[in-house]
């Protein structure tokens, strides 16, 4: 592999690591904001899919439950260089 190929390979590893770290960051932000919740986060490249299970969604409309999740991650979606560009799917579940 030439120097350019090596640089691209290193960059892809870093981006993959960042995506993994960002998924963990999103998960922690949700679980800290919504007590007793369990979040599953997948994706990368600024686009993520999220599934959150919580008793706190009981009695709430789907929109109200989703607002709780978006409130938990709004700091990751704010600004021109926000690491989270879009939530492609968001599912909220009452256990």
PDB file of N, CA and C in Angstrom:
ATOM      1  N   UNK A   1       0.850  -1.166   0.000  1.00  0.00           N
ATOM      2  CA  UNK A   1       0.000   0.000   0.000  1.00  0.00           C
ATOM      3  C   UNK A   1       0.899   1.233   0.000  1.00  0.00           C
ATOM      4  N   UNK A   2       0.605   2.156  -0.882  1.00  0.00           N
ATOM      5  CA  UNK A   2       1.375   3.387  -0.943  1.00  0.00           C
ATOM      6  C   UNK A   2       1.019   4.327   0.180  1.00  0.00           C
ATOM      7  N   UNK A   3       1.743   5.424   0.252  1.00  0.00           N
ATOM      8  CA  UNK A   3       1.523   6.394   1.320  1.00  0.00           C
ATOM      9  C   UNK A   3       0.085   6.917   1.331  1.00  0.00           C
ATOM     10  N   UNK A   4      -0.447   7.221   0.145  1.00  0.00           N
ATOM     11  CA  UNK A   4      -1.823   7.730   0.057  1.00  0.00           C
ATOM     12  C   UNK A   4      -2.823   6.690   0.567  1.00  0.00           C
ATOM     13  N   UNK A   5      -2.632   5.435   0.169  1.00  0.00           N
ATOM     14  CA  UNK A   5      -3.510   4.367   0.628  1.00  0.00           C
ATOM     15  C   UNK A   5      -3.458   4.204   2.134  1.00  0.00           C
ATOM     16  N   UNK A   6      -2.260   4.325   2.694  1.00  0.00           N
ATOM     17  CA  UNK A   6      -2.080   4.222   4.139  1.00  0.00           C
ATOM     18  C   UNK A   6      -2.827   5.358   4.846  1.00  0.00           C
ATOM     19  N   UNK A   7      -2.714   6.581   4.308  1.00  0.00           N
ATOM     20  CA  UNK A   7      -3.394   7.719   4.918  1.00  0.00           C
ATOM     21  C   UNK A   7      -4.911   7.539   4.880  1.00  0.00           C
ATOM     22  N   UNK A   8      -5.430   7.052   3.760  1.00  0.00           N
ATOM     23  CA  UNK A   8      -6.873   6.820   3.654  1.00  0.00           C
ATOM     24  C   UNK A   8      -7.307   5.738   4.627  1.00  0.00           C
ATOM     25  N   UNK A   9      -6.538   4.665   4.741  1.00  0.00           N
ATOM     26  CA  UNK A   9      -6.867   3.588   5.673  1.00  0.00           C
ATOM     27  C   UNK A   9      -6.891   4.107   7.106  1.00  0.00           C
ATOM     28  N   UNK A  10      -5.900   4.911   7.476  1.00  0.00           N
ATOM     29  CA  UNK A  10      -5.866   5.484   8.832  1.00  0.00           C
ATOM     30  C   UNK A  10      -7.071   6.375   9.074  1.00  0.00           C
ATOM     31  N   UNK A  11      -7.438   7.190   8.072  1.00  0.00           N
ATOM     32  CA  UNK A  11      -8.577   8.083   8.210  1.00  0.00           C
ATOM     33  C   UNK A  11      -9.864   7.275   8.397  1.00  0.00           C
ATOM     34  N   UNK A  12     -10.038   6.195   7.641  1.00  0.00           N
ATOM     35  CA  UNK A  12     -11.231   5.361   7.777  1.00  0.00           C
ATOM     36  C   UNK A  12     -11.309   4.721   9.154  1.00  0.00           C
ATOM     37  N   UNK A  13     -10.182   4.300   9.699  1.00  0.00           N
ATOM     38  CA  UNK A  13     -10.168   3.735  11.043  1.00  0.00           C
ATOM     39  C   UNK A  13     -10.581   4.801  12.054  1.00  0.00           C
ATOM     40  N   UNK A  14     -10.026   6.005  11.911  1.00  0.00           N
ATOM     41  CA  UNK A  14     -10.395   7.084  12.831  1.00  0.00           C
ATOM     42  C   UNK A  14     -11.872   7.420  12.726  1.00  0.00           C
ATOM     43  N   UNK A  15     -12.404   7.520  11.523  1.00  0.00           N
ATOM     44  CA  UNK A  15     -13.821   7.834  11.355  1.00  0.00           C
ATOM     45  C   UNK A  15     -14.686   6.738  11.939  1.00  0.00           C
ATOM     46  N   UNK A  16     -14.307   5.494  11.747  1.00  0.00           N
ATOM     47  CA  UNK A  16     -15.054   4.395  12.335  1.00  0.00           C
ATOM     48  C   UNK A  16     -15.036   4.459  13.846  1.00  0.00           C
ATOM     49  N   UNK A  17     -13.897   4.792  14.409  1.00  0.00           N
ATOM     50  CA  UNK A  17     -13.780   4.930  15.861  1.00  0.00           C
ATOM     51  C   UNK A  17     -14.633   6.083  16.357  1.00  0.00           C
ATOM     52  N   UNK A  18     -14.598   7.201  15.640  1.00  0.00           N
ATOM     53  CA  UNK A  18     -15.414   8.338  16.036  1.00  0.00           C
ATOM     54  C   UNK A  18     -16.891   8.001  15.976  1.00  0.00           C
ATOM     55  N   UNK A  19     -17.318   7.284  14.942  1.00  0.00           N
ATOM     56  CA  UNK A  19     -18.727   6.898  14.833  1.00  0.00           C
ATOM     57  C   UNK A  19     -19.112   6.020  16.019  1.00  0.00           C
ATOM     58  N   UNK A  20     -18.241   5.081  16.395  1.00  0.00           N
ATOM     59  CA  UNK A  20     -18.508   4.241  17.551  1.00  0.00           C
ATOM     60  C   UNK A  20     -18.569   5.050  18.825  1.00  0.00           C
ATOM     61  N   UNK A  21     -17.627   5.956  18.994  1.00  0.00           N
ATOM     62  CA  UNK A  21     -17.625   6.815  20.173  1.00  0.00           C
ATOM     63  C   UNK A  21     -18.863   7.706  20.195  1.00  0.00           C
ATOM     64  N   UNK A  22     -19.272   8.212  19.045  1.00  0.00           N
ATOM     65  CA  UNK A  22     -20.440   9.077  18.976  1.00  0.00           C
ATOM     66  C   UNK A  22     -21.704   8.291  19.286  1.00  0.00           C
ATOM     67  N   UNK A  23     -21.805   7.064  18.811  1.00  0.00           N
ATOM     68  CA  UNK A  23     -22.957   6.224  19.156  1.00  0.00           C
ATOM     69  C   UNK A  23     -23.025   6.030  20.670  1.00  0.00           C
ATOM     70  N   UNK A  24     -21.883   5.797  21.285  1.00  0.00           N
ATOM     71  CA  UNK A  24     -21.837   5.647  22.750  1.00  0.00           C
ATOM     72  C   UNK A  24     -22.218   6.944  23.443  1.00  0.00           C
ATOM     73  N   UNK A  25     -21.764   8.064  22.903  1.00  0.00           N
ATOM     74  CA  UNK A  25     -22.085   9.371  23.477  1.00  0.00           C
ATOM     75  C   UNK A  25     -23.587   9.629  23.410  1.00  0.00           C
ATOM     76  N   UNK A  26     -24.202   9.303  22.283  1.00  0.00           N
ATOM     77  CA  UNK A  26     -25.654   9.472  22.125  1.00  0.00           C
ATOM     78  C   UNK A  26     -26.377   8.584  23.124  1.00  0.00           C
ATOM     79  N   UNK A  27     -25.961   7.330  23.228  1.00  0.00           N
ATOM     80  CA  UNK A  27     -26.586   6.380  24.158  1.00  0.00           C
ATOM     81  C   UNK A  27     -26.525   6.890  25.596  1.00  0.00           C
ATOM     82  N   UNK A  28     -25.352   7.331  26.016  1.00  0.00           N
ATOM     83  CA  UNK A  28     -25.178   7.830  27.381  1.00  0.00           C
ATOM     84  C   UNK A  28     -26.029   9.078  27.619  1.00  0.00           C
ATOM     85  N   UNK A  29     -26.054   9.990  26.656  1.00  0.00           N
ATOM     86  CA  UNK A  29     -26.841  11.222  26.803  1.00  0.00           C
ATOM     87  C   UNK A  29     -28.312  10.896  27.004  1.00  0.00           C
ATOM     88  N   UNK A  30     -28.830   9.954  26.236  1.00  0.00           N
ATOM     89  CA  UNK A  30     -30.242   9.566  26.359  1.00  0.00           C
ATOM     90  C   UNK A  30     -30.496   8.894  27.697  1.00  0.00           C
ATOM     91  N   UNK A  31     -29.657   7.933  28.052  1.00  0.00           N
ATOM     92  CA  UNK A  31     -29.874   7.177  29.281  1.00  0.00           C
ATOM     93  C   UNK A  31     -29.702   8.037  30.531  1.00  0.00           C
ATOM     94  N   UNK A  32     -28.877   9.068  30.459  1.00  0.00           N
ATOM     95  CA  UNK A  32     -28.732   9.985  31.601  1.00  0.00           C
ATOM     96  C   UNK A  32     -29.913  10.943  31.689  1.00  0.00           C
ATOM     97  N   UNK A  33     -30.457  11.343  30.554  1.00  0.00           N
ATOM     98  CA  UNK A  33     -31.569  12.307  30.537  1.00  0.00           C
ATOM     99  C   UNK A  33     -32.900  11.634  30.861  1.00  0.00           C
ATOM    100  N   UNK A  34     -33.085  10.410  30.399  1.00  0.00           N
ATOM    101  CA  UNK A  34     -34.335   9.687  30.630  1.00  0.00           C
ATOM    102  C   UNK A  34     -34.021   8.551  31.597  1.00  0.00           C
ATOM    103  N   UNK A  35     -34.261   8.802  32.876  1.00  0.00           N
ATOM    104  CA  UNK A  35     -33.896   7.855  33.935  1.00  0.00           C
ATOM    105  C   UNK A  35     -34.521   6.487  33.687  1.00  0.00           C
ATOM    106  N   UNK A  36     -33.712   5.450  33.863  1.00  0.00           N
ATOM    107  CA  UNK A  36     -34.191   4.087  33.724  1.00  0.00           C
ATOM    108  C   UNK A  36     -34.384   3.623  32.290  1.00  0.00           C
ATOM    109  N   UNK A  37     -33.947   4.418  31.335  1.00  0.00           N
ATOM    110  CA  UNK A  37     -34.126   4.049  29.930  1.00  0.00           C
ATOM    111  C   UNK A  37     -32.985   3.168  29.447  1.00  0.00           C
ATOM    112  N   UNK A  38     -33.250   2.477  28.353  1.00  0.00           N
ATOM    113  CA  UNK A  38     -32.223   1.709  27.658  1.00  0.00           C
ATOM    114  C   UNK A  38     -32.249   2.158  26.208  1.00  0.00           C
ATOM    115  N   UNK A  39     -31.109   2.592  25.702  1.00  0.00           N
ATOM    116  CA  UNK A  39     -31.021   3.087  24.331  1.00  0.00           C
ATOM    117  C   UNK A  39     -30.122   2.201  23.494  1.00  0.00           C
ATOM    118  N   UNK A  40     -30.538   1.988  22.257  1.00  0.00           N
ATOM    119  CA  UNK A  40     -29.725   1.303  21.259  1.00  0.00           C
ATOM    120  C   UNK A  40     -29.498   2.295  20.133  1.00  0.00           C
ATOM    121  N   UNK A  41     -28.242   2.505  19.779  1.00  0.00           N
ATOM    122  CA  UNK A  41     -27.888   3.484  18.759  1.00  0.00           C
ATOM    123  C   UNK A  41     -27.032   2.814  17.702  1.00  0.00           C
ATOM    124  N   UNK A  42     -27.387   3.028  16.446  1.00  0.00           N
ATOM    125  CA  UNK A  42     -26.575   2.505  15.350  1.00  0.00           C
ATOM    126  C   UNK A  42     -26.455   3.583  14.280  1.00  0.00           C
ATOM    127  N   UNK A  43     -25.460   3.427  13.448  1.00  0.00           N
ATOM    128  CA  UNK A  43     -25.268   4.370  12.352  1.00  0.00           C
ATOM    129  C   UNK A  43     -23.900   5.003  12.408  1.00  0.00           C
ATOM    130  N   UNK A  44     -23.746   6.061  11.659  1.00  0.00           N
ATOM    131  CA  UNK A  44     -22.488   6.781  11.568  1.00  0.00           C
ATOM    132  C   UNK A  44     -22.571   7.812  10.473  1.00  0.00           C
ATOM    133  N   UNK A  45     -21.517   8.537  10.275  1.00  0.00           N
ATOM    134  CA  UNK A  45     -21.507   9.566   9.250  1.00  0.00           C
ATOM    135  C   UNK A  45     -22.505  10.676   9.518  1.00  0.00           C
ATOM    136  N   UNK A  46     -22.844  10.863  10.789  1.00  0.00           N
ATOM    137  CA  UNK A  46     -23.790  11.911  11.160  1.00  0.00           C
ATOM    138  C   UNK A  46     -25.238  11.480  11.126  1.00  0.00           C
ATOM    139  N   UNK A  47     -25.524  10.259  10.639  1.00  0.00           N
ATOM    140  CA  UNK A  47     -26.893   9.745  10.546  1.00  0.00           C
ATOM    141  C   UNK A  47     -27.036   8.525  11.449  1.00  0.00           C
ATOM    142  N   UNK A  48     -28.062   8.545  12.298  1.00  0.00           N
ATOM    143  CA  UNK A  48     -28.203   7.495  13.293  1.00  0.00           C
ATOM    144  C   UNK A  48     -29.633   6.992  13.370  1.00  0.00           C
ATOM    145  N   UNK A  49     -29.765   5.755  13.836  1.00  0.00           N
ATOM    146  CA  UNK A  49     -31.050   5.148  14.164  1.00  0.00           C
ATOM    147  C   UNK A  49     -31.027   4.853  15.645  1.00  0.00           C
ATOM    148  N   UNK A  50     -32.134   5.170  16.312  1.00  0.00           N
ATOM    149  CA  UNK A  50     -32.188   5.052  17.772  1.00  0.00           C
ATOM    150  C   UNK A  50     -33.467   4.322  18.179  1.00  0.00           C
ATOM    151  N   UNK A  51     -33.317   3.402  19.132  1.00  0.00           N
ATOM    152  CA  UNK A  51     -34.452   2.745  19.772  1.00  0.00           C
ATOM    153  C   UNK A  51     -34.282   2.962  21.275  1.00  0.00           C
ATOM    154  N   UNK A  52     -35.313   3.523  21.903  1.00  0.00           N
ATOM    155  CA  UNK A  52     -35.250   3.791  23.341  1.00  0.00           C
ATOM    156  C   UNK A  52     -36.437   3.126  24.020  1.00  0.00           C
ATOM    157  N   UNK A  53     -36.156   2.383  25.084  1.00  0.00           N
ATOM    158  CA  UNK A  53     -37.186   1.738  25.890  1.00  0.00           C
ATOM    159  C   UNK A  53     -37.204   2.411  27.254  1.00  0.00           C
ATOM    160  N   UNK A  54     -38.407   2.865  27.656  1.00  0.00           N
ATOM    161  CA  UNK A  54     -38.504   3.546  28.949  1.00  0.00           C
ATOM    162  C   UNK A  54     -39.940   3.548  29.461  1.00  0.00           C
ATOM    163  N   UNK A  55     -40.079   3.380  30.764  1.00  0.00           N
ATOM    164  CA  UNK A  55     -41.383   3.520  31.426  1.00  0.00           C
ATOM    165  C   UNK A  55     -41.890   4.960  31.326  1.00  0.00           C
ATOM    166  N   UNK A  56     -40.970   5.903  31.177  1.00  0.00           N
ATOM    167  CA  UNK A  56     -41.368   7.307  31.122  1.00  0.00           C
ATOM    168  C   UNK A  56     -42.203   7.643  29.886  1.00  0.00           C
ATOM    169  N   UNK A  57     -42.222   6.766  28.900  1.00  0.00           N
ATOM    170  CA  UNK A  57     -43.028   7.001  27.705  1.00  0.00           C
ATOM    171  C   UNK A  57     -44.493   6.616  27.913  1.00  0.00           C
ATOM    172  N   UNK A  58     -44.785   5.904  29.006  1.00  0.00           N
ATOM    173  CA  UNK A  58     -46.153   5.456  29.266  1.00  0.00           C
ATOM    174  C   UNK A  58     -47.094   6.660  29.370  1.00  0.00           C
ATOM    175  N   UNK A  59     -48.193   6.588  28.649  1.00  0.00           N
ATOM    176  CA  UNK A  59     -49.185   7.654  28.679  1.00  0.00           C
ATOM    177  C   UNK A  59     -48.846   8.857  27.811  1.00  0.00           C
ATOM    178  N   UNK A  60     -47.704   8.862  27.175  1.00  0.00           N
ATOM    179  CA  UNK A  60     -47.292   9.982  26.314  1.00  0.00           C
ATOM    180  C   UNK A  60     -47.597   9.640  24.855  1.00  0.00           C
ATOM    181  N   UNK A  61     -47.884  10.661  24.091  1.00  0.00           N
ATOM    182  CA  UNK A  61     -48.060  10.468  22.657  1.00  0.00           C
ATOM    183  C   UNK A  61     -46.697  10.131  22.050  1.00  0.00           C
ATOM    184  N   UNK A  62     -46.688   9.516  20.862  1.00  0.00           N
ATOM    185  CA  UNK A  62     -45.405   9.233  20.218  1.00  0.00           C
ATOM    186  C   UNK A  62     -44.548  10.494  20.039  1.00  0.00           C
ATOM    187  N   UNK A  63     -45.170  11.600  19.701  1.00  0.00           N
ATOM    188  CA  UNK A  63     -44.419  12.853  19.519  1.00  0.00           C
ATOM    189  C   UNK A  63     -43.814  13.316  20.836  1.00  0.00           C
ATOM    190  N   UNK A  64     -44.563  13.223  21.929  1.00  0.00           N
ATOM    191  CA  UNK A  64     -44.049  13.640  23.240  1.00  0.00           C
ATOM    192  C   UNK A  64     -42.877  12.750  23.670  1.00  0.00           C
ATOM    193  N   UNK A  65     -42.980  11.451  23.406  1.00  0.00           N
ATOM    194  CA  UNK A  65     -41.888  10.532  23.750  1.00  0.00           C
ATOM    195  C   UNK A  65     -40.642  10.860  22.924  1.00  0.00           C
ATOM    196  N   UNK A  66     -40.824  11.139  21.644  1.00  0.00           N
ATOM    197  CA  UNK A  66     -39.685  11.486  20.795  1.00  0.00           C
ATOM    198  C   UNK A  66     -39.060  12.809  21.220  1.00  0.00           C
ATOM    199  N   UNK A  67     -39.866  13.734  21.679  1.00  0.00           N
ATOM    200  CA  UNK A  67     -39.316  15.018  22.163  1.00  0.00           C
ATOM    201  C   UNK A  67     -38.379  14.807  23.342  1.00  0.00           C
ATOM    202  N   UNK A  68     -38.711  13.865  24.222  1.00  0.00           N
ATOM    203  CA  UNK A  68     -37.816  13.561  25.344  1.00  0.00           C
ATOM    204  C   UNK A  68     -36.447  13.123  24.830  1.00  0.00           C
ATOM    205  N   UNK A  69     -36.446  12.292  23.804  1.00  0.00           N
ATOM    206  CA  UNK A  69     -35.185  11.789  23.252  1.00  0.00           C
ATOM    207  C   UNK A  69     -34.421  12.925  22.574  1.00  0.00           C
ATOM    208  N   UNK A  70     -35.113  13.705  21.749  1.00  0.00           N
ATOM    209  CA  UNK A  70     -34.429  14.808  21.063  1.00  0.00           C
ATOM    210  C   UNK A  70     -33.873  15.834  22.060  1.00  0.00           C
ATOM    211  N   UNK A  71     -34.583  16.064  23.154  1.00  0.00           N
ATOM    212  CA  UNK A  71     -34.088  16.980  24.183  1.00  0.00           C
ATOM    213  C   UNK A  71     -32.773  16.466  24.767  1.00  0.00           C
ATOM    214  N   UNK A  72     -32.670  15.152  24.913  1.00  0.00           N
ATOM    215  CA  UNK A  72     -31.459  14.547  25.485  1.00  0.00           C
ATOM    216  C   UNK A  72     -30.244  14.711  24.586  1.00  0.00           C
ATOM    217  N   UNK A  73     -30.462  14.810  23.280  1.00  0.00           N
ATOM    218  CA  UNK A  73     -29.318  14.866  22.350  1.00  0.00           C
ATOM    219  C   UNK A  73     -29.223  16.187  21.595  1.00  0.00           C
ATOM    220  N   UNK A  74     -30.006  17.175  21.993  1.00  0.00           N
ATOM    221  CA  UNK A  74     -30.019  18.437  21.239  1.00  0.00           C
ATOM    222  C   UNK A  74     -28.644  19.095  21.184  1.00  0.00           C
ATOM    223  N   UNK A  75     -27.831  18.914  22.227  1.00  0.00           N
ATOM    224  CA  UNK A  75     -26.489  19.509  22.228  1.00  0.00           C
ATOM    225  C   UNK A  75     -25.592  18.870  21.171  1.00  0.00           C
ATOM    226  N   UNK A  76     -25.917  17.656  20.734  1.00  0.00           N
ATOM    227  CA  UNK A  76     -25.139  16.977  19.700  1.00  0.00           C
ATOM    228  C   UNK A  76     -25.633  17.312  18.287  1.00  0.00           C
ATOM    229  N   UNK A  77     -26.769  18.011  18.221  1.00  0.00           N
ATOM    230  CA  UNK A  77     -27.371  18.354  16.929  1.00  0.00           C
ATOM    231  C   UNK A  77     -27.342  19.855  16.654  1.00  0.00           C
ATOM    232  N   UNK A  78     -26.753  20.621  17.554  1.00  0.00           N
ATOM    233  CA  UNK A  78     -26.762  22.081  17.444  1.00  0.00           C
ATOM    234  C   UNK A  78     -25.497  22.609  16.795  1.00  0.00           C
ATOM    235  N   UNK A  79     -25.650  23.643  15.992  1.00  0.00           N
ATOM    236  CA  UNK A  79     -24.502  24.322  15.407  1.00  0.00           C
ATOM    237  C   UNK A  79     -24.135  23.797  14.034  1.00  0.00           C
ATOM    238  N   UNK A  80     -23.309  24.577  13.354  1.00  0.00           N
ATOM    239  CA  UNK A  80     -22.895  24.240  11.990  1.00  0.00           C
ATOM    240  C   UNK A  80     -22.021  22.991  11.920  1.00  0.00           C
ATOM    241  N   UNK A  81     -21.263  22.709  12.963  1.00  0.00           N
ATOM    242  CA  UNK A  81     -20.379  21.535  12.942  1.00  0.00           C
ATOM    243  C   UNK A  81     -20.873  20.445  13.894  1.00  0.00           C
ATOM    244  N   UNK A  82     -22.195  20.346  14.042  1.00  0.00           N
ATOM    245  CA  UNK A  82     -22.782  19.344  14.928  1.00  0.00           C
ATOM    246  C   UNK A  82     -22.421  17.936  14.453  1.00  0.00           C
ATOM    247  N   UNK A  83     -22.035  17.055  15.370  1.00  0.00           N
ATOM    248  CA  UNK A  83     -21.656  15.703  14.964  1.00  0.00           C
ATOM    249  C   UNK A  83     -22.845  14.842  14.515  1.00  0.00           C
ATOM    250  N   UNK A  84     -24.040  15.168  14.994  1.00  0.00           N
ATOM    251  CA  UNK A  84     -25.237  14.431  14.595  1.00  0.00           C
ATOM    252  C   UNK A  84     -26.032  15.315  13.631  1.00  0.00           C
ATOM    253  N   UNK A  85     -26.136  14.841  12.382  1.00  0.00           N
ATOM    254  CA  UNK A  85     -26.851  15.620  11.370  1.00  0.00           C
ATOM    255  C   UNK A  85     -28.307  15.203  11.265  1.00  0.00           C
ATOM    256  N   UNK A  86     -28.591  13.926  11.459  1.00  0.00           N
ATOM    257  CA  UNK A  86     -29.955  13.444  11.295  1.00  0.00           C
ATOM    258  C   UNK A  86     -30.180  12.177  12.103  1.00  0.00           C
ATOM    259  N   UNK A  87     -31.403  12.042  12.587  1.00  0.00           N
ATOM    260  CA  UNK A  87     -31.863  10.793  13.172  1.00  0.00           C
ATOM    261  C   UNK A  87     -32.763  10.184  12.110  1.00  0.00           C
ATOM    262  N   UNK A  88     -32.269   9.128  11.469  1.00  0.00           N
ATOM    263  CA  UNK A  88     -33.016   8.520  10.366  1.00  0.00           C
ATOM    264  C   UNK A  88     -34.251   7.780  10.862  1.00  0.00           C
ATOM    265  N   UNK A  89     -34.115   7.085  11.975  1.00  0.00           N
ATOM    266  CA  UNK A  89     -35.277   6.442  12.593  1.00  0.00           C
ATOM    267  C   UNK A  89     -35.173   6.600  14.110  1.00  0.00           C
ATOM    268  N   UNK A  90     -36.311   6.818  14.733  1.00  0.00           N
ATOM    269  CA  UNK A  90     -36.379   6.937  16.191  1.00  0.00           C
ATOM    270  C   UNK A  90     -37.612   6.179  16.646  1.00  0.00           C
ATOM    271  N   UNK A  91     -37.388   5.137  17.418  1.00  0.00           N
ATOM    272  CA  UNK A  91     -38.481   4.331  17.933  1.00  0.00           C
ATOM    273  C   UNK A  91     -38.459   4.403  19.452  1.00  0.00           C
ATOM    274  N   UNK A  92     -39.611   4.704  20.043  1.00  0.00           N
ATOM    275  CA  UNK A  92     -39.729   4.737  21.496  1.00  0.00           C
ATOM    276  C   UNK A  92     -40.673   3.613  21.909  1.00  0.00           C
ATOM    277  N   UNK A  93     -40.268   2.877  22.934  1.00  0.00           N
ATOM    278  CA  UNK A  93     -41.007   1.693  23.371  1.00  0.00           C
ATOM    279  C   UNK A  93     -41.283   1.777  24.870  1.00  0.00           C
ATOM    280  N   UNK A  94     -42.496   1.423  25.253  1.00  0.00           N
ATOM    281  CA  UNK A  94     -42.833   1.260  26.669  1.00  0.00           C
ATOM    282  C   UNK A  94     -42.675  -0.230  26.975  1.00  0.00           C
ATOM    283  N   UNK A  95     -41.840  -0.583  27.965  1.00  0.00           N
ATOM    284  CA  UNK A  95     -41.632  -2.020  28.256  1.00  0.00           C
ATOM    285  C   UNK A  95     -42.894  -2.695  28.768  1.00  0.00           C
TER     286      UNK A  95
END
